[in-house]
Structures are given as structure tokens and as C-alpha cells.
Amino acid sequence: MKNLKWVSVVVFVTLFYISFQSIRADGTNSVAAKPTPYPLDHCVVSGEKFGGDMGKPIEFIYKTNDINQEIKFCCPMCKPQFVKDPDKYMKEIKDAESKNAKK
């Protein structure tokens, strides 16, 4: 019974260590890399300015292998449109980031 307890402890510690290492596998010193801030003052899907009749923007983190981007929508109905064709909207966001970087 004593051996079973030690085996359980060793297995638990090993699993914890492996999961911790996989979290940091992206090469950063943080547990999760912060997403790139959303560069626009309007919804990328509808073009509506934030803070109007729709209230606070809906925030969403779009993640792929090489992208970790914060996205904001004016309403919940815009997110499915974004998900249908993210490349189209990500191009507009990247263009806005480039313009902001030049300023």
C-alpha cells in the first residue's frame, strides 16, 4: 500500500511537470502570450463604431498557429460572419496595424 502511494505521487508530479512544460512551449516566459491588441475603433465586420446603440463591444481572441489576435465586434451577430471568412477580415486588421505602426 505504501508503494502505491509513492507511485501515485510520482505519476502526479510527472504529469504536472509535463503539462507545465507544454504551456511554456511557445518560448515565452509567460503562461499564455497576450494577444495583439485590436487596432480599429469600429467593428471589422459591420463597420459600426463602438460605443453606439449596441453598447460595449464583444471581445474575441482569434487564435491560429501563428496568430493570437484580439477581435472586437459591435454585436454577437458579427462573430459568425468573421468565423466564416477570417482571412478577409484579418487582412483589414493587419492593414490597420501597419498604418498604425507607420504613425
PDB file of N, CA and C in Angstrom:
ATOM      1  N   MET A   1       0.815  -1.193   0.000  1.00  0.00           N
ATOM      2  CA  MET A   1       0.000   0.000   0.000  1.00  0.00           C
ATOM      3  C   MET A   1       0.860   1.258   0.000  1.00  0.00           C
ATOM      4  N   LYS A   2       1.996   1.182   0.718  1.00  0.00           N
ATOM      5  CA  LYS A   2       2.902   2.311   0.784  1.00  0.00           C
ATOM      6  C   LYS A   2       3.504   2.602  -0.596  1.00  0.00           C
ATOM      7  N   ASN A   3       3.829   1.544  -1.333  1.00  0.00           N
ATOM      8  CA  ASN A   3       4.393   1.715  -2.668  1.00  0.00           C
ATOM      9  C   ASN A   3       3.386   2.337  -3.632  1.00  0.00           C
ATOM     10  N   LEU A   4       2.128   1.966  -3.508  1.00  0.00           N
ATOM     11  CA  LEU A   4       1.085   2.526  -4.356  1.00  0.00           C
ATOM     12  C   LEU A   4       0.965   4.030  -4.132  1.00  0.00           C
ATOM     13  N   LYS A   5       1.084   4.462  -2.901  1.00  0.00           N
ATOM     14  CA  LYS A   5       1.016   5.885  -2.573  1.00  0.00           C
ATOM     15  C   LYS A   5       2.159   6.635  -3.254  1.00  0.00           C
ATOM     16  N   TRP A   6       3.380   6.102  -3.180  1.00  0.00           N
ATOM     17  CA  TRP A   6       4.534   6.746  -3.791  1.00  0.00           C
ATOM     18  C   TRP A   6       4.427   6.764  -5.313  1.00  0.00           C
ATOM     19  N   VAL A   7       3.938   5.672  -5.874  1.00  0.00           N
ATOM     20  CA  VAL A   7       3.757   5.628  -7.323  1.00  0.00           C
ATOM     21  C   VAL A   7       2.748   6.694  -7.755  1.00  0.00           C
ATOM     22  N   SER A   8       1.689   6.846  -7.005  1.00  0.00           N
ATOM     23  CA  SER A   8       0.679   7.865  -7.311  1.00  0.00           C
ATOM     24  C   SER A   8       1.273   9.265  -7.254  1.00  0.00           C
ATOM     25  N   VAL A   9       2.092   9.522  -6.248  1.00  0.00           N
ATOM     26  CA  VAL A   9       2.722  10.831  -6.110  1.00  0.00           C
ATOM     27  C   VAL A   9       3.664  11.094  -7.283  1.00  0.00           C
ATOM     28  N   VAL A  10       4.474  10.111  -7.636  1.00  0.00           N
ATOM     29  CA  VAL A  10       5.416  10.267  -8.746  1.00  0.00           C
ATOM     30  C   VAL A  10       4.666  10.517 -10.055  1.00  0.00           C
ATOM     31  N   VAL A  11       3.606   9.773 -10.299  1.00  0.00           N
ATOM     32  CA  VAL A  11       2.815   9.955 -11.518  1.00  0.00           C
ATOM     33  C   VAL A  11       2.199  11.353 -11.539  1.00  0.00           C
ATOM     34  N   PHE A  12       1.637  11.803 -10.442  1.00  0.00           N
ATOM     35  CA  PHE A  12       1.026  13.124 -10.370  1.00  0.00           C
ATOM     36  C   PHE A  12       2.060  14.214 -10.636  1.00  0.00           C
ATOM     37  N   VAL A  13       3.203  14.148  -9.992  1.00  0.00           N
ATOM     38  CA  VAL A  13       4.249  15.161 -10.183  1.00  0.00           C
ATOM     39  C   VAL A  13       4.744  15.161 -11.630  1.00  0.00           C
ATOM     40  N   THR A  14       4.908  13.996 -12.211  1.00  0.00           N
ATOM     41  CA  THR A  14       5.361  13.897 -13.600  1.00  0.00           C
ATOM     42  C   THR A  14       4.346  14.522 -14.547  1.00  0.00           C
ATOM     43  N   LEU A  15       3.074  14.209 -14.366  1.00  0.00           N
ATOM     44  CA  LEU A  15       2.028  14.789 -15.213  1.00  0.00           C
ATOM     45  C   LEU A  15       1.970  16.296 -15.051  1.00  0.00           C
ATOM     46  N   PHE A  16       2.101  16.784 -13.836  1.00  0.00           N
ATOM     47  CA  PHE A  16       2.100  18.223 -13.584  1.00  0.00           C
ATOM     48  C   PHE A  16       3.273  18.881 -14.313  1.00  0.00           C
ATOM     49  N   TYR A  17       4.451  18.301 -14.204  1.00  0.00           N
ATOM     50  CA  TYR A  17       5.641  18.841 -14.845  1.00  0.00           C
ATOM     51  C   TYR A  17       5.471  18.877 -16.364  1.00  0.00           C
ATOM     52  N   ILE A  18       4.959  17.797 -16.946  1.00  0.00           N
ATOM     53  CA  ILE A  18       4.762  17.734 -18.396  1.00  0.00           C
ATOM     54  C   ILE A  18       3.758  18.780 -18.852  1.00  0.00           C
ATOM     55  N   SER A  19       2.651  18.923 -18.141  1.00  0.00           N
ATOM     56  CA  SER A  19       1.647  19.906 -18.544  1.00  0.00           C
ATOM     57  C   SER A  19       2.197  21.319 -18.409  1.00  0.00           C
ATOM     58  N   PHE A  20       2.986  21.598 -17.391  1.00  0.00           N
ATOM     59  CA  PHE A  20       3.575  22.919 -17.202  1.00  0.00           C
ATOM     60  C   PHE A  20       4.539  23.224 -18.344  1.00  0.00           C
ATOM     61  N   GLN A  21       5.334  22.269 -18.752  1.00  0.00           N
ATOM     62  CA  GLN A  21       6.281  22.478 -19.843  1.00  0.00           C
ATOM     63  C   GLN A  21       5.556  22.714 -21.166  1.00  0.00           C
ATOM     64  N   SER A  22       4.450  22.052 -21.396  1.00  0.00           N
ATOM     65  CA  SER A  22       3.729  22.239 -22.652  1.00  0.00           C
ATOM     66  C   SER A  22       3.092  23.617 -22.721  1.00  0.00           C
ATOM     67  N   ILE A  23       2.716  24.174 -21.585  1.00  0.00           N
ATOM     68  CA  ILE A  23       2.157  25.525 -21.568  1.00  0.00           C
ATOM     69  C   ILE A  23       3.221  26.527 -22.006  1.00  0.00           C
ATOM     70  N   ARG A  24       4.445  26.338 -21.584  1.00  0.00           N
ATOM     71  CA  ARG A  24       5.530  27.264 -21.889  1.00  0.00           C
ATOM     72  C   ARG A  24       6.287  26.895 -23.160  1.00  0.00           C
ATOM     73  N   ALA A  25       5.779  25.979 -23.936  1.00  0.00           N
ATOM     74  CA  ALA A  25       6.481  25.504 -25.122  1.00  0.00           C
ATOM     75  C   ALA A  25       6.585  26.560 -26.217  1.00  0.00           C
ATOM     76  N   ASP A  26       5.832  27.654 -26.115  1.00  0.00           N
ATOM     77  CA  ASP A  26       5.877  28.678 -27.155  1.00  0.00           C
ATOM     78  C   ASP A  26       7.090  29.580 -27.049  1.00  0.00           C
ATOM     79  N   GLY A  27       7.945  29.372 -26.060  1.00  0.00           N
ATOM     80  CA  GLY A  27       9.166  30.140 -25.939  1.00  0.00           C
ATOM     81  C   GLY A  27       9.016  31.439 -25.166  1.00  0.00           C
ATOM     82  N   THR A  28       7.858  31.706 -24.629  1.00  0.00           N
ATOM     83  CA  THR A  28       7.668  32.923 -23.848  1.00  0.00           C
ATOM     84  C   THR A  28       7.899  32.620 -22.381  1.00  0.00           C
ATOM     85  N   ASN A  29       8.046  33.653 -21.596  1.00  0.00           N
ATOM     86  CA  ASN A  29       8.217  33.485 -20.157  1.00  0.00           C
ATOM     87  C   ASN A  29       6.886  33.537 -19.425  1.00  0.00           C
ATOM     88  N   SER A  30       5.819  33.776 -20.142  1.00  0.00           N
ATOM     89  CA  SER A  30       4.512  33.838 -19.506  1.00  0.00           C
ATOM     90  C   SER A  30       3.758  32.546 -19.778  1.00  0.00           C
ATOM     91  N   VAL A  31       2.746  32.306 -18.967  1.00  0.00           N
ATOM     92  CA  VAL A  31       1.943  31.099 -19.138  1.00  0.00           C
ATOM     93  C   VAL A  31       1.168  31.170 -20.448  1.00  0.00           C
ATOM     94  N   ALA A  32       0.621  32.312 -20.767  1.00  0.00           N
ATOM     95  CA  ALA A  32      -0.103  32.491 -22.025  1.00  0.00           C
ATOM     96  C   ALA A  32       0.311  33.822 -22.647  1.00  0.00           C
ATOM     97  N   ALA A  33       0.673  33.791 -23.915  1.00  0.00           N
ATOM     98  CA  ALA A  33       1.075  35.013 -24.606  1.00  0.00           C
ATOM     99  C   ALA A  33      -0.136  35.920 -24.772  1.00  0.00           C
ATOM    100  N   LYS A  34       0.091  37.212 -24.557  1.00  0.00           N
ATOM    101  CA  LYS A  34      -1.012  38.169 -24.713  1.00  0.00           C
ATOM    102  C   LYS A  34      -1.341  38.317 -26.186  1.00  0.00           C
ATOM    103  N   PRO A  35      -2.619  38.456 -26.492  1.00  0.00           N
ATOM    104  CA  PRO A  35      -2.997  38.656 -27.893  1.00  0.00           C
ATOM    105  C   PRO A  35      -2.612  40.054 -28.362  1.00  0.00           C
ATOM    106  N   THR A  36      -2.455  40.196 -29.672  1.00  0.00           N
ATOM    107  CA  THR A  36      -2.197  41.501 -30.274  1.00  0.00           C
ATOM    108  C   THR A  36      -3.450  42.354 -30.106  1.00  0.00           C
ATOM    109  N   PRO A  37      -3.319  43.591 -29.619  1.00  0.00           N
ATOM    110  CA  PRO A  37      -4.497  44.443 -29.413  1.00  0.00           C
ATOM    111  C   PRO A  37      -5.214  44.755 -30.728  1.00  0.00           C
ATOM    112  N   TYR A  38      -6.499  44.922 -30.625  1.00  0.00           N
ATOM    113  CA  TYR A  38      -7.342  45.251 -31.776  1.00  0.00           C
ATOM    114  C   TYR A  38      -7.053  46.687 -32.206  1.00  0.00           C
ATOM    115  N   PRO A  39      -6.685  46.927 -33.472  1.00  0.00           N
ATOM    116  CA  PRO A  39      -6.244  48.258 -33.889  1.00  0.00           C
ATOM    117  C   PRO A  39      -7.340  49.210 -34.368  1.00  0.00           C
ATOM    118  N   LEU A  40      -8.552  48.715 -34.539  1.00  0.00           N
ATOM    119  CA  LEU A  40      -9.615  49.543 -35.122  1.00  0.00           C
ATOM    120  C   LEU A  40     -10.538  50.116 -34.051  1.00  0.00           C
ATOM    121  N   ASP A  41     -11.211  51.216 -34.381  1.00  0.00           N
ATOM    122  CA  ASP A  41     -12.188  51.801 -33.465  1.00  0.00           C
ATOM    123  C   ASP A  41     -13.614  51.450 -33.878  1.00  0.00           C
ATOM    124  N   HIS A  42     -13.738  50.485 -34.777  1.00  0.00           N
ATOM    125  CA  HIS A  42     -15.037  50.036 -35.270  1.00  0.00           C
ATOM    126  C   HIS A  42     -15.019  48.523 -35.485  1.00  0.00           C
ATOM    127  N   CYS A  43     -16.174  47.967 -35.684  1.00  0.00           N
ATOM    128  CA  CYS A  43     -16.320  46.528 -35.935  1.00  0.00           C
ATOM    129  C   CYS A  43     -15.780  46.212 -37.327  1.00  0.00           C
ATOM    130  N   VAL A  44     -14.907  45.242 -37.411  1.00  0.00           N
ATOM    131  CA  VAL A  44     -14.302  44.872 -38.689  1.00  0.00           C
ATOM    132  C   VAL A  44     -15.333  44.272 -39.643  1.00  0.00           C
ATOM    133  N   VAL A  45     -16.411  43.713 -39.124  1.00  0.00           N
ATOM    134  CA  VAL A  45     -17.426  43.060 -39.962  1.00  0.00           C
ATOM    135  C   VAL A  45     -18.453  44.072 -40.461  1.00  0.00           C
ATOM    136  N   SER A  46     -19.070  44.825 -39.553  1.00  0.00           N
ATOM    137  CA  SER A  46     -20.161  45.724 -39.938  1.00  0.00           C
ATOM    138  C   SER A  46     -19.716  47.150 -40.226  1.00  0.00           C
ATOM    139  N   GLY A  47     -18.574  47.550 -39.684  1.00  0.00           N
ATOM    140  CA  GLY A  47     -18.111  48.925 -39.833  1.00  0.00           C
ATOM    141  C   GLY A  47     -18.681  49.871 -38.792  1.00  0.00           C
ATOM    142  N   GLU A  48     -19.524  49.359 -37.881  1.00  0.00           N
ATOM    143  CA  GLU A  48     -20.142  50.189 -36.842  1.00  0.00           C
ATOM    144  C   GLU A  48     -19.105  50.645 -35.825  1.00  0.00           C
ATOM    145  N   LYS A  49     -19.183  51.927 -35.433  1.00  0.00           N
ATOM    146  CA  LYS A  49     -18.314  52.449 -34.382  1.00  0.00           C
ATOM    147  C   LYS A  49     -18.717  51.836 -33.049  1.00  0.00           C
ATOM    148  N   PHE A  50     -17.725  51.608 -32.187  1.00  0.00           N
ATOM    149  CA  PHE A  50     -18.007  51.068 -30.859  1.00  0.00           C
ATOM    150  C   PHE A  50     -18.582  52.144 -29.959  1.00  0.00           C
ATOM    151  N   GLY A  51     -19.399  51.718 -29.003  1.00  0.00           N
ATOM    152  CA  GLY A  51     -19.973  52.631 -28.033  1.00  0.00           C
ATOM    153  C   GLY A  51     -21.279  53.255 -28.470  1.00  0.00           C
ATOM    154  N   GLY A  52     -21.823  52.822 -29.572  1.00  0.00           N
ATOM    155  CA  GLY A  52     -23.100  53.361 -30.052  1.00  0.00           C
ATOM    156  C   GLY A  52     -24.272  52.657 -29.388  1.00  0.00           C
ATOM    157  N   ASP A  53     -25.306  52.435 -30.149  1.00  0.00           N
ATOM    158  CA  ASP A  53     -26.521  51.800 -29.643  1.00  0.00           C
ATOM    159  C   ASP A  53     -26.303  50.360 -29.196  1.00  0.00           C
ATOM    160  N   MET A  54     -25.298  49.713 -29.725  1.00  0.00           N
ATOM    161  CA  MET A  54     -25.053  48.308 -29.400  1.00  0.00           C
ATOM    162  C   MET A  54     -24.377  48.135 -28.045  1.00  0.00           C
ATOM    163  N   GLY A  55     -23.853  49.198 -27.475  1.00  0.00           N
ATOM    164  CA  GLY A  55     -23.188  49.090 -26.178  1.00  0.00           C
ATOM    165  C   GLY A  55     -21.729  48.709 -26.314  1.00  0.00           C
ATOM    166  N   LYS A  56     -21.208  48.053 -25.284  1.00  0.00           N
ATOM    167  CA  LYS A  56     -19.796  47.664 -25.282  1.00  0.00           C
ATOM    168  C   LYS A  56     -19.529  46.623 -26.367  1.00  0.00           C
ATOM    169  N   PRO A  57     -18.328  46.662 -26.936  1.00  0.00           N
ATOM    170  CA  PRO A  57     -18.006  45.665 -27.969  1.00  0.00           C
ATOM    171  C   PRO A  57     -17.866  44.255 -27.390  1.00  0.00           C
ATOM    172  N   ILE A  58     -18.124  43.278 -28.228  1.00  0.00           N
ATOM    173  CA  ILE A  58     -17.948  41.872 -27.895  1.00  0.00           C
ATOM    174  C   ILE A  58     -16.488  41.527 -28.205  1.00  0.00           C
ATOM    175  N   GLU A  59     -15.755  41.014 -27.227  1.00  0.00           N
ATOM    176  CA  GLU A  59     -14.347  40.697 -27.433  1.00  0.00           C
ATOM    177  C   GLU A  59     -14.163  39.208 -27.701  1.00  0.00           C
ATOM    178  N   PHE A  60     -13.220  38.913 -28.565  1.00  0.00           N
ATOM    179  CA  PHE A  60     -12.957  37.547 -29.015  1.00  0.00           C
ATOM    180  C   PHE A  60     -11.466  37.449 -29.322  1.00  0.00           C
ATOM    181  N   ILE A  61     -10.849  36.335 -28.974  1.00  0.00           N
ATOM    182  CA  ILE A  61      -9.448  36.098 -29.298  1.00  0.00           C
ATOM    183  C   ILE A  61      -9.392  35.083 -30.433  1.00  0.00           C
ATOM    184  N   TYR A  62      -8.883  35.524 -31.568  1.00  0.00           N
ATOM    185  CA  TYR A  62      -8.742  34.652 -32.744  1.00  0.00           C
ATOM    186  C   TYR A  62      -7.350  34.049 -32.698  1.00  0.00           C
ATOM    187  N   LYS A  63      -7.294  32.716 -32.583  1.00  0.00           N
ATOM    188  CA  LYS A  63      -6.018  32.023 -32.480  1.00  0.00           C
ATOM    189  C   LYS A  63      -5.865  31.018 -33.613  1.00  0.00           C
ATOM    190  N   THR A  64      -4.696  31.055 -34.224  1.00  0.00           N
ATOM    191  CA  THR A  64      -4.272  30.012 -35.147  1.00  0.00           C
ATOM    192  C   THR A  64      -2.827  29.701 -34.774  1.00  0.00           C
ATOM    193  N   ASN A  65      -2.143  28.930 -35.579  1.00  0.00           N
ATOM    194  CA  ASN A  65      -0.760  28.573 -35.266  1.00  0.00           C
ATOM    195  C   ASN A  65       0.143  29.788 -35.118  1.00  0.00           C
ATOM    196  N   ASP A  66      -0.038  30.784 -35.969  1.00  0.00           N
ATOM    197  CA  ASP A  66       0.845  31.943 -35.945  1.00  0.00           C
ATOM    198  C   ASP A  66       0.142  33.254 -35.584  1.00  0.00           C
ATOM    199  N   ILE A  67      -1.131  33.202 -35.250  1.00  0.00           N
ATOM    200  CA  ILE A  67      -1.895  34.416 -34.933  1.00  0.00           C
ATOM    201  C   ILE A  67      -2.532  34.277 -33.557  1.00  0.00           C
ATOM    202  N   ASN A  68      -2.422  35.332 -32.777  1.00  0.00           N
ATOM    203  CA  ASN A  68      -3.099  35.434 -31.485  1.00  0.00           C
ATOM    204  C   ASN A  68      -3.611  36.867 -31.410  1.00  0.00           C
ATOM    205  N   GLN A  69      -4.763  37.119 -32.021  1.00  0.00           N
ATOM    206  CA  GLN A  69      -5.270  38.466 -32.255  1.00  0.00           C
ATOM    207  C   GLN A  69      -6.565  38.720 -31.497  1.00  0.00           C
ATOM    208  N   GLU A  70      -6.617  39.837 -30.799  1.00  0.00           N
ATOM    209  CA  GLU A  70      -7.862  40.277 -30.174  1.00  0.00           C
ATOM    210  C   GLU A  70      -8.756  40.849 -31.273  1.00  0.00           C
ATOM    211  N   ILE A  71     -10.023  40.467 -31.258  1.00  0.00           N
ATOM    212  CA  ILE A  71     -11.011  40.970 -32.216  1.00  0.00           C
ATOM    213  C   ILE A  71     -12.167  41.543 -31.407  1.00  0.00           C
ATOM    214  N   LYS A  72     -12.720  42.646 -31.877  1.00  0.00           N
ATOM    215  CA  LYS A  72     -13.897  43.230 -31.225  1.00  0.00           C
ATOM    216  C   LYS A  72     -15.006  43.366 -32.253  1.00  0.00           C
ATOM    217  N   PHE A  73     -16.205  43.000 -31.814  1.00  0.00           N
ATOM    218  CA  PHE A  73     -17.394  43.094 -32.663  1.00  0.00           C
ATOM    219  C   PHE A  73     -18.394  44.035 -32.023  1.00  0.00           C
ATOM    220  N   CYS A  74     -19.222  44.654 -32.857  1.00  0.00           N
ATOM    221  CA  CYS A  74     -20.241  45.565 -32.327  1.00  0.00           C
ATOM    222  C   CYS A  74     -21.391  44.792 -31.680  1.00  0.00           C
ATOM    223  N   CYS A  75     -21.597  43.552 -32.118  1.00  0.00           N
ATOM    224  CA  CYS A  75     -22.700  42.752 -31.600  1.00  0.00           C
ATOM    225  C   CYS A  75     -22.384  41.267 -31.762  1.00  0.00           C
ATOM    226  N   PRO A  76     -23.126  40.409 -31.100  1.00  0.00           N
ATOM    227  CA  PRO A  76     -22.873  38.964 -31.211  1.00  0.00           C
ATOM    228  C   PRO A  76     -23.110  38.402 -32.613  1.00  0.00           C
ATOM    229  N   MET A  77     -23.880  39.083 -33.429  1.00  0.00           N
ATOM    230  CA  MET A  77     -24.198  38.575 -34.765  1.00  0.00           C
ATOM    231  C   MET A  77     -23.024  38.686 -35.741  1.00  0.00           C
ATOM    232  N   CYS A  78     -22.023  39.520 -35.416  1.00  0.00           N
ATOM    233  CA  CYS A  78     -20.885  39.688 -36.321  1.00  0.00           C
ATOM    234  C   CYS A  78     -19.846  38.578 -36.192  1.00  0.00           C
ATOM    235  N   LYS A  79     -19.781  37.943 -35.041  1.00  0.00           N
ATOM    236  CA  LYS A  79     -18.772  36.897 -34.844  1.00  0.00           C
ATOM    237  C   LYS A  79     -18.936  35.739 -35.837  1.00  0.00           C
ATOM    238  N   PRO A  80     -20.148  35.204 -36.069  1.00  0.00           N
ATOM    239  CA  PRO A  80     -20.276  34.112 -37.053  1.00  0.00           C
ATOM    240  C   PRO A  80     -19.837  34.532 -38.458  1.00  0.00           C
ATOM    241  N   GLN A  81     -20.067  35.805 -38.815  1.00  0.00           N
ATOM    242  CA  GLN A  81     -19.627  36.298 -40.124  1.00  0.00           C
ATOM    243  C   GLN A  81     -18.106  36.282 -40.212  1.00  0.00           C
ATOM    244  N   PHE A  82     -17.447  36.694 -39.127  1.00  0.00           N
ATOM    245  CA  PHE A  82     -15.992  36.681 -39.076  1.00  0.00           C
ATOM    246  C   PHE A  82     -15.465  35.256 -39.206  1.00  0.00           C
ATOM    247  N   VAL A  83     -16.067  34.340 -38.475  1.00  0.00           N
ATOM    248  CA  VAL A  83     -15.613  32.941 -38.455  1.00  0.00           C
ATOM    249  C   VAL A  83     -15.766  32.291 -39.834  1.00  0.00           C
ATOM    250  N   LYS A  84     -16.766  32.711 -40.621  1.00  0.00           N
ATOM    251  CA  LYS A  84     -16.961  32.152 -41.963  1.00  0.00           C
ATOM    252  C   LYS A  84     -15.792  32.484 -42.890  1.00  0.00           C
ATOM    253  N   ASP A  85     -15.238  33.708 -42.761  1.00  0.00           N
ATOM    254  CA  ASP A  85     -14.160  34.133 -43.654  1.00  0.00           C
ATOM    255  C   ASP A  85     -13.151  34.980 -42.887  1.00  0.00           C
ATOM    256  N   PRO A  86     -12.402  34.370 -41.953  1.00  0.00           N
ATOM    257  CA  PRO A  86     -11.486  35.158 -41.129  1.00  0.00           C
ATOM    258  C   PRO A  86     -10.354  35.811 -41.922  1.00  0.00           C
ATOM    259  N   ASP A  87      -9.917  35.192 -43.019  1.00  0.00           N
ATOM    260  CA  ASP A  87      -8.811  35.773 -43.798  1.00  0.00           C
ATOM    261  C   ASP A  87      -9.169  37.152 -44.339  1.00  0.00           C
ATOM    262  N   LYS A  88     -10.388  37.308 -44.787  1.00  0.00           N
ATOM    263  CA  LYS A  88     -10.860  38.585 -45.330  1.00  0.00           C
ATOM    264  C   LYS A  88     -10.757  39.677 -44.259  1.00  0.00           C
ATOM    265  N   TYR A  89     -11.224  39.378 -43.067  1.00  0.00           N
ATOM    266  CA  TYR A  89     -11.237  40.377 -42.001  1.00  0.00           C
ATOM    267  C   TYR A  89      -9.856  40.562 -41.373  1.00  0.00           C
ATOM    268  N   MET A  90      -9.072  39.496 -41.303  1.00  0.00           N
ATOM    269  CA  MET A  90      -7.719  39.615 -40.754  1.00  0.00           C
ATOM    270  C   MET A  90      -6.846  40.488 -41.649  1.00  0.00           C
ATOM    271  N   LYS A  91      -7.083  40.481 -42.949  1.00  0.00           N
ATOM    272  CA  LYS A  91      -6.334  41.353 -43.862  1.00  0.00           C
ATOM    273  C   LYS A  91      -6.588  42.813 -43.507  1.00  0.00           C
ATOM    274  N   GLU A  92      -7.840  43.156 -43.261  1.00  0.00           N
ATOM    275  CA  GLU A  92      -8.184  44.538 -42.890  1.00  0.00           C
ATOM    276  C   GLU A  92      -7.534  44.916 -41.555  1.00  0.00           C
ATOM    277  N   ILE A  93      -7.522  43.993 -40.613  1.00  0.00           N
ATOM    278  CA  ILE A  93      -6.920  44.253 -39.301  1.00  0.00           C
ATOM    279  C   ILE A  93      -5.408  44.429 -39.444  1.00  0.00           C
ATOM    280  N   LYS A  94      -4.762  43.567 -40.220  1.00  0.00           N
ATOM    281  CA  LYS A  94      -3.311  43.675 -40.428  1.00  0.00           C
ATOM    282  C   LYS A  94      -2.954  44.970 -41.152  1.00  0.00           C
ATOM    283  N   ASP A  95      -3.779  45.381 -42.109  1.00  0.00           N
ATOM    284  CA  ASP A  95      -3.550  46.654 -42.800  1.00  0.00           C
ATOM    285  C   ASP A  95      -3.630  47.825 -41.819  1.00  0.00           C
ATOM    286  N   ALA A  96      -4.590  47.776 -40.911  1.00  0.00           N
ATOM    287  CA  ALA A  96      -4.734  48.834 -39.904  1.00  0.00           C
ATOM    288  C   ALA A  96      -3.539  48.842 -38.955  1.00  0.00           C
ATOM    289  N   GLU A  97      -3.052  47.668 -38.601  1.00  0.00           N
ATOM    290  CA  GLU A  97      -1.864  47.590 -37.739  1.00  0.00           C
ATOM    291  C   GLU A  97      -0.654  48.207 -38.434  1.00  0.00           C
ATOM    292  N   SER A  98      -0.521  47.938 -39.733  1.00  0.00           N
ATOM    293  CA  SER A  98       0.604  48.507 -40.493  1.00  0.00           C
ATOM    294  C   SER A  98       0.516  50.033 -40.535  1.00  0.00           C
ATOM    295  N   LYS A  99      -0.683  50.559 -40.756  1.00  0.00           N
ATOM    296  CA  LYS A  99      -0.866  52.019 -40.790  1.00  0.00           C
ATOM    297  C   LYS A  99      -0.552  52.638 -39.431  1.00  0.00           C
ATOM    298  N   ASN A 100      -0.992  51.976 -38.358  1.00  0.00           N
ATOM    299  CA  ASN A 100      -0.723  52.498 -37.010  1.00  0.00           C
ATOM    300  C   ASN A 100       0.762  52.455 -36.681  1.00  0.00           C
ATOM    301  N   ALA A 101       1.469  51.459 -37.182  1.00  0.00           N
ATOM    302  CA  ALA A 101       2.901  51.335 -36.917  1.00  0.00           C
ATOM    303  C   ALA A 101       3.691  52.433 -37.638  1.00  0.00           C
ATOM    304  N   LYS A 102       3.206  52.898 -38.757  1.00  0.00           N
ATOM    305  CA  LYS A 102       3.885  53.951 -39.522  1.00  0.00           C
ATOM    306  C   LYS A 102       3.740  55.321 -38.880  1.00  0.00           C
ATOM    307  N   LYS A 103       2.728  55.498 -38.052  1.00  0.00           N
ATOM    308  CA  LYS A 103       2.470  56.813 -37.423  1.00  0.00           C
ATOM    309  C   LYS A 103       3.491  57.137 -36.372  1.00  0.00           C
TER     310      LYS A 103
END
